[in-house]
């Protein structure tokens, strides 16, 4: 019954990761030095 919730959560996480990469932030390595 939480399949829908899991899908939304996974999609949100994916979009957040894409957005952070766009800003030059990597979820594992942190900010890249400028």
PDB file of N, CA and C in Angstrom:
ATOM      1  N   UNK A   1       0.816  -1.225   0.000  1.00  0.00           N
ATOM      2  CA  UNK A   1       0.000   0.000   0.000  1.00  0.00           C
ATOM      3  C   UNK A   1       0.847   1.271   0.000  1.00  0.00           C
ATOM      4  N   UNK A   2       2.109   1.194   0.442  1.00  0.00           N
ATOM      5  CA  UNK A   2       2.935   2.412   0.332  1.00  0.00           C
ATOM      6  C   UNK A   2       3.739   2.446  -0.969  1.00  0.00           C
ATOM      7  N   UNK A   3       3.380   1.607  -1.949  1.00  0.00           N
ATOM      8  CA  UNK A   3       4.123   1.641  -3.210  1.00  0.00           C
ATOM      9  C   UNK A   3       4.093   3.034  -3.833  1.00  0.00           C
ATOM     10  N   UNK A   4       2.919   3.659  -3.810  1.00  0.00           N
ATOM     11  CA  UNK A   4       2.810   5.008  -4.368  1.00  0.00           C
ATOM     12  C   UNK A   4       3.700   5.985  -3.617  1.00  0.00           C
ATOM     13  N   UNK A   5       3.700   5.862  -2.305  1.00  0.00           N
ATOM     14  CA  UNK A   5       4.529   6.765  -1.483  1.00  0.00           C
ATOM     15  C   UNK A   5       6.004   6.559  -1.791  1.00  0.00           C
ATOM     16  N   UNK A   6       6.407   5.288  -1.923  1.00  0.00           N
ATOM     17  CA  UNK A   6       7.813   4.995  -2.219  1.00  0.00           C
ATOM     18  C   UNK A   6       8.235   5.559  -3.564  1.00  0.00           C
ATOM     19  N   UNK A   7       7.339   5.451  -4.551  1.00  0.00           N
ATOM     20  CA  UNK A   7       7.654   5.987  -5.881  1.00  0.00           C
ATOM     21  C   UNK A   7       7.839   7.503  -5.812  1.00  0.00           C
ATOM     22  N   UNK A   8       6.913   8.162  -5.120  1.00  0.00           N
ATOM     23  CA  UNK A   8       7.008   9.621  -4.996  1.00  0.00           C
ATOM     24  C   UNK A   8       8.297  10.005  -4.274  1.00  0.00           C
ATOM     25  N   UNK A   9       8.613   9.251  -3.216  1.00  0.00           N
ATOM     26  CA  UNK A   9       9.815   9.551  -2.432  1.00  0.00           C
ATOM     27  C   UNK A   9      11.073   9.379  -3.281  1.00  0.00           C
ATOM     28  N   UNK A  10      11.109   8.270  -4.049  1.00  0.00           N
ATOM     29  CA  UNK A  10      12.268   8.005  -4.902  1.00  0.00           C
ATOM     30  C   UNK A  10      12.411   9.093  -5.969  1.00  0.00           C
ATOM     31  N   UNK A  11      11.286   9.497  -6.546  1.00  0.00           N
ATOM     32  CA  UNK A  11      11.315  10.531  -7.582  1.00  0.00           C
ATOM     33  C   UNK A  11      11.781  11.859  -6.996  1.00  0.00           C
ATOM     34  N   UNK A  12      11.280  12.192  -5.808  1.00  0.00           N
ATOM     35  CA  UNK A  12      11.692  13.431  -5.150  1.00  0.00           C
ATOM     36  C   UNK A  12      13.187  13.418  -4.880  1.00  0.00           C
ATOM     37  N   UNK A  13      13.682  12.267  -4.383  1.00  0.00           N
ATOM     38  CA  UNK A  13      15.115  12.152  -4.094  1.00  0.00           C
ATOM     39  C   UNK A  13      15.917  12.332  -5.370  1.00  0.00           C
ATOM     40  N   UNK A  14      15.449  11.711  -6.465  1.00  0.00           N
ATOM     41  CA  UNK A  14      16.139  11.804  -7.753  1.00  0.00           C
ATOM     42  C   UNK A  14      16.197  13.255  -8.222  1.00  0.00           C
ATOM     43  N   UNK A  15      15.060  13.954  -8.141  1.00  0.00           N
ATOM     44  CA  UNK A  15      15.016  15.350  -8.582  1.00  0.00           C
ATOM     45  C   UNK A  15      15.909  16.220  -7.708  1.00  0.00           C
ATOM     46  N   UNK A  16      15.917  15.953  -6.405  1.00  0.00           N
ATOM     47  CA  UNK A  16      16.787  16.708  -5.504  1.00  0.00           C
ATOM     48  C   UNK A  16      18.248  16.502  -5.876  1.00  0.00           C
ATOM     49  N   UNK A  17      18.622  15.255  -6.195  1.00  0.00           N
ATOM     50  CA  UNK A  17      20.002  14.969  -6.577  1.00  0.00           C
ATOM     51  C   UNK A  17      20.370  15.696  -7.865  1.00  0.00           C
ATOM     52  N   UNK A  18      19.455  15.698  -8.845  1.00  0.00           N
ATOM     53  CA  UNK A  18      19.711  16.390 -10.104  1.00  0.00           C
ATOM     54  C   UNK A  18      19.908  17.881  -9.854  1.00  0.00           C
ATOM     55  N   UNK A  19      19.066  18.444  -8.980  1.00  0.00           N
ATOM     56  CA  UNK A  19      19.128  19.872  -8.668  1.00  0.00           C
ATOM     57  C   UNK A  19      20.437  20.212  -7.962  1.00  0.00           C
ATOM     58  N   UNK A  20      20.830  19.371  -7.009  1.00  0.00           N
ATOM     59  CA  UNK A  20      22.073  19.616  -6.282  1.00  0.00           C
ATOM     60  C   UNK A  20      23.271  19.524  -7.216  1.00  0.00           C
ATOM     61  N   UNK A  21      23.252  18.561  -8.150  1.00  0.00           N
ATOM     62  CA  UNK A  21      24.349  18.442  -9.113  1.00  0.00           C
ATOM     63  C   UNK A  21      24.427  19.689  -9.973  1.00  0.00           C
ATOM     64  N   UNK A  22      23.251  20.219 -10.343  1.00  0.00           N
ATOM     65  CA  UNK A  22      23.204  21.440 -11.149  1.00  0.00           C
ATOM     66  C   UNK A  22      23.886  22.590 -10.402  1.00  0.00           C
ATOM     67  N   UNK A  23      23.717  22.608  -9.082  1.00  0.00           N
ATOM     68  CA  UNK A  23      24.325  23.661  -8.265  1.00  0.00           C
ATOM     69  C   UNK A  23      25.800  23.375  -7.981  1.00  0.00           C
ATOM     70  N   UNK A  24      26.292  22.241  -8.469  1.00  0.00           N
ATOM     71  CA  UNK A  24      27.688  21.897  -8.233  1.00  0.00           C
ATOM     72  C   UNK A  24      27.881  21.161  -6.922  1.00  0.00           C
ATOM     73  N   UNK A  25      26.792  20.616  -6.364  1.00  0.00           N
ATOM     74  CA  UNK A  25      26.886  19.881  -5.104  1.00  0.00           C
ATOM     75  C   UNK A  25      26.676  18.405  -5.377  1.00  0.00           C
ATOM     76  N   UNK A  26      27.583  17.588  -4.865  1.00  0.00           N
ATOM     77  CA  UNK A  26      27.435  16.148  -5.025  1.00  0.00           C
ATOM     78  C   UNK A  26      27.077  15.548  -3.672  1.00  0.00           C
ATOM     79  N   UNK A  27      26.000  14.724  -3.628  1.00  0.00           N
ATOM     80  CA  UNK A  27      25.506  14.214  -2.346  1.00  0.00           C
ATOM     81  C   UNK A  27      26.552  13.433  -1.554  1.00  0.00           C
ATOM     82  N   UNK A  28      27.538  12.837  -2.238  1.00  0.00           N
ATOM     83  CA  UNK A  28      28.529  12.038  -1.518  1.00  0.00           C
ATOM     84  C   UNK A  28      29.789  12.832  -1.247  1.00  0.00           C
ATOM     85  N   UNK A  29      30.180  13.702  -2.171  1.00  0.00           N
ATOM     86  CA  UNK A  29      31.459  14.387  -2.040  1.00  0.00           C
ATOM     87  C   UNK A  29      31.324  15.804  -1.481  1.00  0.00           C
ATOM     88  N   UNK A  30      30.088  16.274  -1.397  1.00  0.00           N
ATOM     89  CA  UNK A  30      29.902  17.637  -0.905  1.00  0.00           C
ATOM     90  C   UNK A  30      30.240  18.655  -1.984  1.00  0.00           C
ATOM     91  N   UNK A  31      30.400  19.903  -1.562  1.00  0.00           N
ATOM     92  CA  UNK A  31      30.653  20.971  -2.530  1.00  0.00           C
ATOM     93  C   UNK A  31      32.004  20.781  -3.187  1.00  0.00           C
ATOM     94  N   UNK A  32      32.032  21.012  -4.492  1.00  0.00           N
ATOM     95  CA  UNK A  32      33.307  21.007  -5.206  1.00  0.00           C
ATOM     96  C   UNK A  32      33.951  22.365  -4.986  1.00  0.00           C
ATOM     97  N   UNK A  33      35.217  22.357  -4.680  1.00  0.00           N
ATOM     98  CA  UNK A  33      35.914  23.624  -4.437  1.00  0.00           C
ATOM     99  C   UNK A  33      35.927  24.481  -5.673  1.00  0.00           C
ATOM    100  N   UNK A  34      35.655  25.778  -5.491  1.00  0.00           N
ATOM    101  CA  UNK A  34      35.674  26.696  -6.631  1.00  0.00           C
ATOM    102  C   UNK A  34      37.019  27.409  -6.668  1.00  0.00           C
TER     103      UNK A  34
END
